[in-house]
Amino acid sequence: MSHKIVVYSTPTCPYCHMAKDFLTKKGFTFEDKNVALDEAAANDLVEKSGQMGVPVIEIDDQIVIGFDQVALEDLLK
């Protein structure tokens, strides 16, 4: 099954790198939105999650705040 995955991140966020590495190792492709450079992505992040912190991962319209490996694995089954 294919998933639509968007990772809202910044280049300096260690948990963002961990989340992207996790998804890559699991074989998932994702869109990476750098909220430090992309104002529209930053606005989407706040609208969807209610916060400015990263990472926020959107999987098929479900939001995971932070690098929550258990939640990610659950949504990616």
N, C-alpha and C. Protein backbone atom coordinates (compact mmCIF):
# COMPACT_ATOMS: atom_id res chain seq x y z
N MET A 1 0.84 -1.19 0.00
CA MET A 1 0.00 0.00 0.00
C MET A 1 0.88 1.24 0.00
N SER A 2 0.51 2.19 -0.81
CA SER A 2 1.26 3.44 -0.91
C SER A 2 0.68 4.48 0.04
N HIS A 3 1.55 5.23 0.67
CA HIS A 3 1.14 6.27 1.59
C HIS A 3 1.60 7.62 1.08
N LYS A 4 0.80 8.64 1.35
CA LYS A 4 1.23 10.01 1.07
C LYS A 4 1.85 10.53 2.36
N ILE A 5 3.16 10.80 2.32
CA ILE A 5 3.89 11.21 3.51
C ILE A 5 4.55 12.55 3.25
N VAL A 6 4.32 13.48 4.19
CA VAL A 6 4.97 14.79 4.16
C VAL A 6 5.66 14.98 5.50
N VAL A 7 6.95 15.36 5.45
CA VAL A 7 7.70 15.65 6.66
C VAL A 7 7.96 17.15 6.69
N TYR A 8 7.46 17.80 7.72
CA TYR A 8 7.73 19.23 7.95
C TYR A 8 8.96 19.28 8.86
N SER A 9 10.02 19.93 8.39
CA SER A 9 11.28 19.87 9.12
C SER A 9 12.08 21.16 8.95
N THR A 10 13.22 21.21 9.66
CA THR A 10 14.24 22.24 9.46
C THR A 10 15.58 21.53 9.34
N PRO A 11 16.55 22.17 8.69
CA PRO A 11 17.85 21.51 8.50
C PRO A 11 18.61 21.25 9.80
N THR A 12 18.34 22.01 10.85
CA THR A 12 19.11 21.89 12.09
C THR A 12 18.44 21.01 13.14
N CYS A 13 17.29 20.43 12.83
CA CYS A 13 16.53 19.63 13.79
C CYS A 13 17.01 18.17 13.78
N PRO A 14 17.62 17.70 14.88
CA PRO A 14 18.10 16.31 14.89
C PRO A 14 16.97 15.28 14.80
N TYR A 15 15.82 15.57 15.40
CA TYR A 15 14.70 14.63 15.33
C TYR A 15 14.10 14.56 13.93
N CYS A 16 14.21 15.65 13.19
CA CYS A 16 13.77 15.65 11.79
C CYS A 16 14.64 14.67 10.98
N HIS A 17 15.95 14.75 11.20
CA HIS A 17 16.86 13.84 10.49
C HIS A 17 16.58 12.39 10.88
N MET A 18 16.32 12.14 12.16
CA MET A 18 16.00 10.79 12.62
C MET A 18 14.73 10.27 11.95
N ALA A 19 13.71 11.12 11.86
CA ALA A 19 12.44 10.72 11.25
C ALA A 19 12.63 10.41 9.76
N LYS A 20 13.36 11.25 9.06
CA LYS A 20 13.60 11.04 7.63
C LYS A 20 14.45 9.79 7.40
N ASP A 21 15.45 9.57 8.24
CA ASP A 21 16.27 8.36 8.13
C ASP A 21 15.42 7.12 8.37
N PHE A 22 14.54 7.18 9.36
CA PHE A 22 13.64 6.06 9.67
C PHE A 22 12.77 5.72 8.46
N LEU A 23 12.14 6.74 7.87
CA LEU A 23 11.26 6.51 6.72
C LEU A 23 12.05 5.95 5.53
N THR A 24 13.23 6.49 5.30
CA THR A 24 14.07 6.03 4.19
C THR A 24 14.47 4.57 4.39
N LYS A 25 14.91 4.21 5.60
CA LYS A 25 15.32 2.83 5.88
C LYS A 25 14.16 1.86 5.75
N LYS A 26 12.94 2.32 6.02
CA LYS A 26 11.76 1.48 5.88
C LYS A 26 11.28 1.40 4.42
N GLY A 27 11.92 2.18 3.53
CA GLY A 27 11.59 2.12 2.11
C GLY A 27 10.46 3.04 1.67
N PHE A 28 10.11 4.01 2.50
CA PHE A 28 9.03 4.94 2.15
C PHE A 28 9.60 6.20 1.51
N THR A 29 8.90 6.68 0.50
CA THR A 29 9.25 7.97 -0.09
C THR A 29 8.37 9.03 0.57
N PHE A 30 8.89 10.23 0.65
CA PHE A 30 8.16 11.31 1.32
C PHE A 30 8.57 12.65 0.73
N GLU A 31 7.71 13.62 0.95
CA GLU A 31 8.01 15.00 0.56
C GLU A 31 8.54 15.70 1.81
N ASP A 32 9.69 16.32 1.69
CA ASP A 32 10.30 17.04 2.80
C ASP A 32 10.04 18.54 2.61
N LYS A 33 9.34 19.14 3.56
CA LYS A 33 9.06 20.57 3.49
C LYS A 33 9.87 21.29 4.56
N ASN A 34 10.82 22.10 4.11
CA ASN A 34 11.69 22.85 5.01
C ASN A 34 10.96 24.12 5.45
N VAL A 35 10.44 24.10 6.67
CA VAL A 35 9.64 25.23 7.15
C VAL A 35 10.50 26.44 7.49
N ALA A 36 11.82 26.28 7.55
CA ALA A 36 12.70 27.42 7.78
C ALA A 36 12.79 28.31 6.54
N LEU A 37 12.63 27.70 5.36
CA LEU A 37 12.75 28.45 4.11
C LEU A 37 11.42 28.67 3.40
N ASP A 38 10.44 27.83 3.68
CA ASP A 38 9.17 27.84 2.95
C ASP A 38 8.05 28.34 3.86
N GLU A 39 7.70 29.61 3.70
CA GLU A 39 6.69 30.23 4.56
C GLU A 39 5.32 29.55 4.42
N ALA A 40 4.97 29.16 3.21
CA ALA A 40 3.69 28.48 2.99
C ALA A 40 3.67 27.14 3.74
N ALA A 41 4.78 26.41 3.72
CA ALA A 41 4.87 25.14 4.44
C ALA A 41 4.78 25.38 5.95
N ALA A 42 5.40 26.46 6.42
CA ALA A 42 5.33 26.80 7.85
C ALA A 42 3.89 27.10 8.25
N ASN A 43 3.17 27.81 7.40
CA ASN A 43 1.75 28.10 7.67
C ASN A 43 0.92 26.82 7.67
N ASP A 44 1.20 25.91 6.72
CA ASP A 44 0.50 24.61 6.69
C ASP A 44 0.76 23.84 7.97
N LEU A 45 2.00 23.86 8.42
CA LEU A 45 2.39 23.16 9.65
C LEU A 45 1.55 23.64 10.83
N VAL A 46 1.45 24.93 11.00
CA VAL A 46 0.68 25.49 12.12
C VAL A 46 -0.80 25.16 11.96
N GLU A 47 -1.32 25.29 10.75
CA GLU A 47 -2.73 25.01 10.50
C GLU A 47 -3.08 23.55 10.79
N LYS A 48 -2.20 22.64 10.41
CA LYS A 48 -2.49 21.21 10.56
C LYS A 48 -2.20 20.68 11.96
N SER A 49 -1.17 21.23 12.62
CA SER A 49 -0.76 20.66 13.91
C SER A 49 -1.03 21.58 15.09
N GLY A 50 -1.25 22.87 14.82
CA GLY A 50 -1.45 23.82 15.91
C GLY A 50 -0.17 24.22 16.61
N GLN A 51 0.96 23.93 16.02
CA GLN A 51 2.23 24.28 16.65
C GLN A 51 3.29 24.63 15.63
N MET A 52 4.41 25.18 16.11
CA MET A 52 5.54 25.53 15.24
C MET A 52 6.68 24.53 15.33
N GLY A 53 6.65 23.62 16.30
CA GLY A 53 7.75 22.68 16.48
C GLY A 53 7.81 21.64 15.38
N VAL A 54 9.02 21.16 15.11
CA VAL A 54 9.23 20.12 14.12
C VAL A 54 9.99 18.97 14.78
N PRO A 55 9.93 17.79 14.24
CA PRO A 55 9.23 17.42 13.02
C PRO A 55 7.73 17.20 13.25
N VAL A 56 7.00 17.44 12.21
CA VAL A 56 5.60 17.03 12.13
C VAL A 56 5.51 16.19 10.86
N ILE A 57 4.97 15.00 11.00
CA ILE A 57 4.87 14.08 9.87
C ILE A 57 3.40 13.85 9.57
N GLU A 58 3.03 14.06 8.32
CA GLU A 58 1.66 13.83 7.86
C GLU A 58 1.64 12.57 7.01
N ILE A 59 0.86 11.59 7.46
CA ILE A 59 0.73 10.33 6.73
C ILE A 59 -0.75 10.14 6.40
N ASP A 60 -1.08 10.23 5.13
CA ASP A 60 -2.47 10.05 4.69
C ASP A 60 -3.44 10.89 5.53
N ASP A 61 -3.12 12.16 5.70
CA ASP A 61 -3.94 13.13 6.43
C ASP A 61 -3.96 12.92 7.95
N GLN A 62 -3.14 12.01 8.47
CA GLN A 62 -2.98 11.83 9.91
C GLN A 62 -1.69 12.54 10.33
N ILE A 63 -1.72 13.24 11.47
CA ILE A 63 -0.59 14.02 11.93
C ILE A 63 0.12 13.32 13.08
N VAL A 64 1.45 13.22 12.97
CA VAL A 64 2.30 12.74 14.06
C VAL A 64 3.23 13.89 14.43
N ILE A 65 3.17 14.29 15.69
CA ILE A 65 4.01 15.39 16.17
C ILE A 65 5.25 14.80 16.83
N GLY A 66 6.41 15.23 16.36
CA GLY A 66 7.66 14.70 16.87
C GLY A 66 8.02 13.39 16.20
N PHE A 67 9.19 12.86 16.57
CA PHE A 67 9.62 11.58 16.02
C PHE A 67 9.10 10.48 16.94
N ASP A 68 7.85 10.09 16.70
CA ASP A 68 7.19 9.05 17.49
C ASP A 68 7.20 7.78 16.64
N GLN A 69 8.23 6.97 16.84
CA GLN A 69 8.43 5.79 15.99
C GLN A 69 7.27 4.81 16.08
N VAL A 70 6.69 4.63 17.26
CA VAL A 70 5.56 3.71 17.42
C VAL A 70 4.36 4.20 16.61
N ALA A 71 4.06 5.48 16.71
CA ALA A 71 2.93 6.05 15.97
C ALA A 71 3.17 5.95 14.46
N LEU A 72 4.40 6.20 14.03
CA LEU A 72 4.72 6.12 12.60
C LEU A 72 4.54 4.69 12.10
N GLU A 73 5.07 3.73 12.84
CA GLU A 73 4.94 2.33 12.40
C GLU A 73 3.47 1.91 12.36
N ASP A 74 2.69 2.40 13.31
CA ASP A 74 1.27 2.07 13.35
C ASP A 74 0.55 2.60 12.11
N LEU A 75 0.83 3.83 11.72
CA LEU A 75 0.18 4.43 10.56
C LEU A 75 0.69 3.86 9.23
N LEU A 76 1.89 3.32 9.23
CA LEU A 76 2.48 2.82 7.99
C LEU A 76 2.22 1.33 7.74
N LYS A 77 1.46 0.68 8.58
CA LYS A 77 1.14 -0.75 8.41
C LYS A 77 0.31 -0.97 7.17
